[in-house]
Structure formats: C-alpha cells, structure tokens
Amino acid sequence: MANAETSDEQLIKSVAAGNRDALAELVDRHLQPALGVACRILGSLGAGEDLVHEIFLDIWTRPAAWQRRRPRFILRFYRALVQRIGPLPATEPELVAPETPEAGDVATDELLVLLDRETATRLFRAVAGLRPEQRSVVAFAYGTGLNNVEAAEALGMSERRFEAHLARARHELRRAASESAPSLEKFATLVDHYGTDAGDWPWLRRGRARRLLETSGEARSLFLRLRAIERALAELPHPRPSLRARIVGVAAAVSQSSPQRS
C-alpha cells in the first residue's frame, strides 16, 4: 500500500508493474487540482473530466513513457495536459464561486476572512473574462503545487512572461473584487506583482510594506481582502465520484484485454 511518503515516481514504477492501487493513489493525489486547471482553461467540467481521464489512462497504458527522473512527474503531467488542450480556447468558462461559509467559521482568524457571496461572484466572473493566457496562468498559479518556473515551463512560456501575465491578471481581479484607496495603489500594485506572501516581496520594499500594514488599518483591510481573493482562486472543483471509478475501472478493463503494456 502506498502512503504519503511514497513519491509519484515510485508510484509510477508500481503502475508499470501493473499495480492498480498505485494508479488509484496517483488519481487521488492529482485528480482534483488537474481537473481545476483543465476546467478553468477549457471552460467546461465535462471537457475537463474527459481530458484528465485521458491522461490517467495514458499513464496506465504507457507507463514506460512516464518513468523518467527529470523533470519530476507532476511537471510532466501538466505538460501533457497543456499539450492535449492545444491552442488556448477563447471561450469564457462558467466558473462557480465558492459557497460562503457560516458566520461561525469566519471569525477565528482575521487572515482567514472570506469574500462575501456577491464579491466572490464578481471575482469569478472577472476570471472568466480574462484573456486566455491570463486565465491559464491563474489556473496554474493556484492549486497545482508548481512554482512559477515549473508552471511557466508547463505552459510553454518564459518565467518572465508567466509572471507578467499573472501580475496583469491579479490587477484585473483586484479591481473587480476589491476597491482600494488611491493612497494604497503602490501597495496594491506590489501585491499584484508578488502575491500576498510577504516573503516573496522585494527586500527593498518589504520593510516599508510591512510597516504600512502595521500602522494602517485601511492597508490591513485591503491586504486581507487580497488574501481572500487568493483563497477563493485556490478553490478547486470537486470531481464527480464517478470519475475516479471510471478511471480505475477502465484501467482494470485494459489490463484484462491487453496484459502487456508498454
């Protein structure tokens, strides 16, 4: 049985040996984030499920093609996803905003503040209206576990271009979901470029931004709002239970009809 310490690469070796439990573990680890990326780019839950199903079936039927040490499995997985999508579709997807939690779930930590339903809906409409490249970058920036270098490589673009698209997308989403005072525009632009993790902020600007957060309630409120936007973007669609069963079931059928796999 695989456990949390079993690497993806070790699971692929087990898959190559015909272990369907190893395939099921890979599905459990990567199905939801992969589906989130596919759905946001393609704009359809059904199309996203079909694409992800196709990739997992390829892993099962051609495990030798996935047995490489470099780059790591998850990067090769998302490269395959992007290659199968082909040219980025211009269709505006129908994105569902996450449900607003009960009031009792909100007040435990101010950093966990969530967007109200109306604002979340505006945010997700804004995501749907982004240019295809920006929408794809947002999909990869939240939830995949890839860093910017790896996400850019998966999308076939430079890191600089990836980060430029991400900054523009964050700017558009901020304007759609959160108002900021003109005096805070420089701070908001900093977050547009580098996100809400202060560790990623340039050293020369980090101290000033942190002091602003300590002394300005308005800046603190804006920061929490932007953190909430990032949390909402990280919400991933839950795959239908039938999808996992379909993937594992097809793998079993393939094993019975074609015992020798490449």
Protein backbone atom coordinates (compact mmCIF):
# COMPACT_ATOMS: atom_id res chain seq x y z
CA MET A 1 0.00 0.00 0.00
CA ALA A 2 1.25 3.49 -0.84
CA ASN A 3 1.49 6.12 1.85
CA ALA A 4 2.01 9.88 1.92
CA GLU A 5 5.78 9.37 1.80
CA THR A 6 5.65 7.33 -1.40
CA SER A 7 6.79 9.59 -4.23
CA ASP A 8 4.97 9.94 -7.51
CA GLU A 9 7.97 8.40 -9.24
CA GLN A 10 7.76 5.34 -7.00
CA LEU A 11 4.07 5.04 -7.76
CA ILE A 12 4.80 5.17 -11.49
CA LYS A 13 7.17 2.20 -11.07
CA SER A 14 4.38 0.30 -9.37
CA VAL A 15 1.97 1.27 -12.12
CA ALA A 16 4.45 -0.13 -14.67
CA ALA A 17 4.35 -3.40 -12.72
CA GLY A 18 0.57 -3.49 -13.13
CA ASN A 19 -0.40 -2.21 -9.68
CA ARG A 20 -3.83 -0.59 -10.00
CA ASP A 21 -3.70 0.57 -6.37
CA ALA A 22 -0.71 2.73 -7.32
CA LEU A 23 -2.71 4.25 -10.17
CA ALA A 24 -5.59 4.90 -7.77
CA GLU A 25 -3.17 6.68 -5.41
CA LEU A 26 -1.95 8.92 -8.24
CA VAL A 27 -5.56 9.68 -9.11
CA ASP A 28 -6.37 10.55 -5.50
CA ARG A 29 -3.36 12.89 -5.30
CA HIS A 30 -3.72 14.75 -8.56
CA LEU A 31 -7.27 14.42 -9.86
CA GLN A 32 -8.77 17.48 -8.18
CA PRO A 33 -6.03 20.06 -8.97
CA ALA A 34 -5.67 18.73 -12.51
CA LEU A 35 -9.41 18.97 -13.02
CA GLY A 36 -9.35 22.53 -11.69
CA VAL A 37 -6.73 23.56 -14.24
CA ALA A 38 -8.46 21.76 -17.11
CA CYS A 39 -11.89 23.20 -16.28
CA ARG A 40 -10.63 26.77 -15.93
CA ILE A 41 -8.82 26.62 -19.25
CA LEU A 42 -11.43 24.68 -21.23
CA GLY A 43 -14.46 26.29 -19.59
CA SER A 44 -16.32 23.02 -19.17
CA LEU A 45 -16.47 20.48 -16.35
CA GLY A 46 -17.29 17.69 -18.78
CA ALA A 47 -14.42 18.53 -21.14
CA GLY A 48 -12.07 18.87 -18.17
CA GLU A 49 -13.05 15.45 -16.83
CA ASP A 50 -12.58 13.83 -20.25
CA LEU A 51 -9.11 15.37 -20.61
CA VAL A 52 -7.92 14.32 -17.16
CA HIS A 53 -9.34 10.83 -17.69
CA GLU A 54 -7.39 10.59 -20.94
CA ILE A 55 -4.10 11.48 -19.24
CA PHE A 56 -4.51 8.97 -16.41
CA LEU A 57 -5.40 6.28 -18.93
CA ASP A 58 -2.22 7.15 -20.85
CA ILE A 59 -0.22 6.72 -17.63
CA TRP A 60 -1.74 3.27 -17.19
CA THR A 61 -1.33 2.09 -20.79
CA ARG A 62 2.12 3.64 -21.43
CA PRO A 63 3.87 3.70 -18.04
CA ALA A 64 7.34 3.44 -19.57
CA ALA A 65 6.85 6.87 -21.18
CA TRP A 66 6.27 8.34 -17.70
CA GLN A 67 9.25 6.67 -15.98
CA ARG A 68 11.82 9.43 -16.03
CA ARG A 69 13.59 11.10 -13.14
CA ARG A 70 13.65 14.57 -14.69
CA PRO A 71 11.61 16.62 -14.81
CA ARG A 72 9.51 15.48 -11.88
CA PHE A 73 6.29 13.65 -12.57
CA ILE A 74 3.90 16.47 -11.70
CA LEU A 75 5.55 18.79 -14.22
CA ARG A 76 5.39 16.15 -16.95
CA PHE A 77 1.75 15.57 -16.02
CA TYR A 78 0.79 19.21 -16.54
CA ARG A 79 2.88 19.47 -19.70
CA ALA A 80 0.83 16.60 -21.10
CA LEU A 81 -2.38 18.35 -20.06
CA VAL A 82 -1.41 21.57 -21.84
CA GLN A 83 -0.26 19.71 -24.96
CA ARG A 84 -3.61 17.94 -25.19
CA ILE A 85 -5.51 21.20 -24.85
CA GLY A 86 -3.60 22.72 -27.77
CA PRO A 87 -4.30 26.38 -28.64
CA LEU A 88 -5.81 28.15 -25.65
CA PRO A 89 -9.58 28.46 -26.14
CA ALA A 90 -11.09 31.94 -26.01
CA THR A 91 -14.36 30.63 -24.55
CA GLU A 92 -15.34 32.26 -21.28
CA PRO A 93 -15.82 29.42 -18.79
CA GLU A 94 -18.73 29.14 -16.42
CA LEU A 95 -16.93 29.33 -13.08
CA VAL A 96 -18.88 28.81 -9.89
CA ALA A 97 -17.93 30.94 -6.91
CA PRO A 98 -17.25 29.03 -3.70
CA GLU A 99 -20.02 28.86 -1.15
CA THR A 100 -19.95 31.48 1.60
CA PRO A 101 -19.26 29.66 4.91
CA GLU A 102 -21.34 30.03 8.01
CA ALA A 103 -20.58 33.11 10.13
CA GLY A 104 -19.16 30.97 12.92
CA ASP A 105 -16.44 29.68 10.60
CA VAL A 106 -15.07 33.11 9.79
CA ALA A 107 -14.06 34.96 12.93
CA THR A 108 -11.37 32.62 14.32
CA ASP A 109 -8.50 34.31 12.46
CA GLU A 110 -8.64 37.55 10.53
CA LEU A 111 -6.26 36.08 7.93
CA LEU A 112 -8.98 33.55 7.10
CA VAL A 113 -11.54 36.22 6.22
CA LEU A 114 -13.54 35.19 3.15
CA LEU A 115 -15.25 37.13 0.41
CA ASP A 116 -18.98 37.61 0.61
CA ARG A 117 -21.02 35.80 -1.98
CA GLU A 118 -21.63 38.84 -4.18
CA THR A 119 -17.94 39.77 -4.29
CA ALA A 120 -16.92 36.16 -4.93
CA THR A 121 -19.33 36.02 -7.84
CA ARG A 122 -17.82 39.22 -9.28
CA LEU A 123 -14.37 37.72 -8.86
CA PHE A 124 -15.19 34.54 -10.74
CA ARG A 125 -16.92 36.46 -13.50
CA ALA A 126 -13.74 38.50 -13.80
CA VAL A 127 -11.69 35.30 -14.05
CA ALA A 128 -13.98 34.12 -16.84
CA GLY A 129 -13.43 37.40 -18.67
CA LEU A 130 -9.63 37.28 -18.57
CA ARG A 131 -7.66 36.76 -21.76
CA PRO A 132 -6.97 33.03 -22.37
CA GLU A 133 -3.28 33.35 -21.47
CA GLN A 134 -4.06 35.15 -18.22
CA ARG A 135 -6.80 32.68 -17.32
CA SER A 136 -4.40 29.78 -17.91
CA VAL A 137 -1.71 31.42 -15.79
CA VAL A 138 -4.19 31.95 -12.94
CA ALA A 139 -5.25 28.30 -13.21
CA PHE A 140 -1.64 27.16 -12.82
CA ALA A 141 -0.69 29.70 -10.15
CA TYR A 142 -3.27 28.44 -7.64
CA GLY A 143 -3.66 24.82 -6.62
CA THR A 144 -1.19 22.86 -8.78
CA GLY A 145 1.77 22.89 -6.40
CA LEU A 146 4.09 24.07 -9.17
CA ASN A 147 6.36 27.05 -8.67
CA ASN A 148 6.39 29.84 -11.25
CA VAL A 149 9.34 28.36 -13.15
CA GLU A 150 7.65 24.96 -13.47
CA ALA A 151 4.23 26.42 -14.26
CA ALA A 152 5.75 28.61 -16.98
CA GLU A 153 7.52 25.58 -18.45
CA ALA A 154 4.29 23.55 -18.41
CA LEU A 155 2.57 26.36 -20.32
CA GLY A 156 5.48 26.71 -22.76
CA MET A 157 6.36 30.29 -21.85
CA SER A 158 9.21 32.06 -20.08
CA GLU A 159 9.07 32.70 -16.36
CA ARG A 160 9.13 36.44 -17.04
CA ARG A 161 6.14 36.20 -19.37
CA PHE A 162 4.28 33.97 -16.90
CA GLU A 163 4.81 36.47 -14.07
CA ALA A 164 3.80 39.40 -16.29
CA HIS A 165 0.52 37.66 -17.21
CA LEU A 166 -0.06 36.79 -13.55
CA ALA A 167 0.50 40.39 -12.40
CA ARG A 168 -1.94 41.71 -15.02
CA ALA A 169 -4.49 39.07 -14.09
CA ARG A 170 -4.20 39.87 -10.38
CA HIS A 171 -4.64 43.55 -11.18
CA GLU A 172 -7.83 42.88 -13.13
CA LEU A 173 -9.21 40.60 -10.44
CA ARG A 174 -8.38 43.06 -7.67
CA ARG A 175 -10.21 45.84 -9.48
CA ALA A 176 -13.22 43.59 -9.97
CA ALA A 177 -13.41 42.25 -6.41
CA SER A 178 -11.86 44.87 -4.14
CA GLU A 179 -11.75 48.64 -4.04
CA SER A 180 -8.60 50.38 -2.82
CA ALA A 181 -7.88 53.97 -1.93
CA PRO A 182 -5.56 55.87 -4.31
CA SER A 183 -3.07 56.24 -1.48
CA LEU A 184 -2.73 52.46 -1.34
CA GLU A 185 -2.26 51.92 -5.07
CA LYS A 186 1.50 51.35 -4.77
CA PHE A 187 0.93 48.72 -2.08
CA ALA A 188 -1.82 47.08 -4.14
CA THR A 189 0.45 47.01 -7.18
CA LEU A 190 3.16 45.32 -5.09
CA VAL A 191 0.69 42.56 -4.25
CA ASP A 192 -0.41 42.36 -7.90
CA HIS A 193 3.17 41.52 -8.86
CA TYR A 194 4.25 39.30 -5.97
CA GLY A 195 1.13 37.99 -4.22
CA THR A 196 0.27 38.18 -0.53
CA ASP A 197 3.22 36.15 0.74
CA ALA A 198 5.50 38.86 2.15
CA GLY A 199 8.46 36.54 1.76
CA ASP A 200 8.17 36.96 -2.00
CA TRP A 201 8.23 40.77 -1.85
CA PRO A 202 11.45 42.52 -2.96
CA TRP A 203 13.69 43.15 0.02
CA LEU A 204 13.90 46.90 -0.58
CA ARG A 205 10.11 47.25 -0.49
CA ARG A 206 9.29 44.59 2.08
CA GLY A 207 10.06 46.63 5.20
CA ARG A 208 8.05 49.63 4.06
CA ALA A 209 5.08 47.46 3.11
CA ARG A 210 5.13 45.66 6.44
CA ARG A 211 5.27 48.93 8.36
CA LEU A 212 2.29 50.14 6.34
CA LEU A 213 0.34 47.03 7.35
CA GLU A 214 1.23 47.63 11.00
CA THR A 215 0.20 51.30 11.02
CA SER A 216 -2.72 51.49 8.59
CA GLY A 217 -5.99 49.74 9.26
CA GLU A 218 -7.04 50.53 5.69
CA ALA A 219 -3.93 48.80 4.32
CA ARG A 220 -4.53 45.82 6.60
CA SER A 221 -8.13 45.56 5.42
CA LEU A 222 -7.05 45.66 1.77
CA PHE A 223 -4.37 43.04 2.39
CA LEU A 224 -6.90 40.67 3.97
CA ARG A 225 -9.22 41.27 1.05
CA LEU A 226 -6.46 40.35 -1.40
CA ARG A 227 -5.59 37.30 0.68
CA ALA A 228 -9.24 36.28 0.49
CA ILE A 229 -9.15 36.64 -3.30
CA GLU A 230 -6.20 34.26 -3.46
CA ARG A 231 -8.01 31.78 -1.21
CA ALA A 232 -11.06 31.92 -3.46
CA LEU A 233 -8.93 31.34 -6.56
CA ALA A 234 -7.40 28.29 -4.90
CA GLU A 235 -10.86 26.71 -4.50
CA LEU A 236 -10.95 23.68 -6.79
CA PRO A 237 -13.98 21.91 -8.28
CA HIS A 238 -14.74 18.56 -6.71
CA PRO A 239 -14.74 15.81 -9.33
CA ARG A 240 -17.82 13.66 -9.52
CA PRO A 241 -17.24 10.39 -7.63
CA SER A 242 -17.94 8.51 -10.83
CA LEU A 243 -14.83 9.97 -12.48
CA ARG A 244 -12.37 8.20 -10.17
CA ALA A 245 -14.30 4.96 -10.52
CA ARG A 246 -14.33 5.37 -14.30
CA ILE A 247 -10.55 5.85 -14.48
CA VAL A 248 -9.77 2.85 -12.27
CA GLY A 249 -12.45 0.76 -13.97
CA VAL A 250 -11.11 1.44 -17.44
CA ALA A 251 -7.61 0.57 -16.20
CA ALA A 252 -8.91 -2.79 -15.00
CA ALA A 253 -10.62 -3.43 -18.33
CA VAL A 254 -7.45 -2.55 -20.22
CA SER A 255 -5.46 -4.97 -18.05
CA GLN A 256 -7.83 -7.82 -18.88
CA SER A 257 -7.91 -7.15 -22.61
CA SER A 258 -4.21 -6.28 -23.03
CA PRO A 259 -1.98 -7.75 -20.32
CA GLN A 260 1.21 -6.48 -22.00
CA ARG A 261 1.51 -2.75 -21.59
CA SER A 262 4.28 -0.54 -22.93
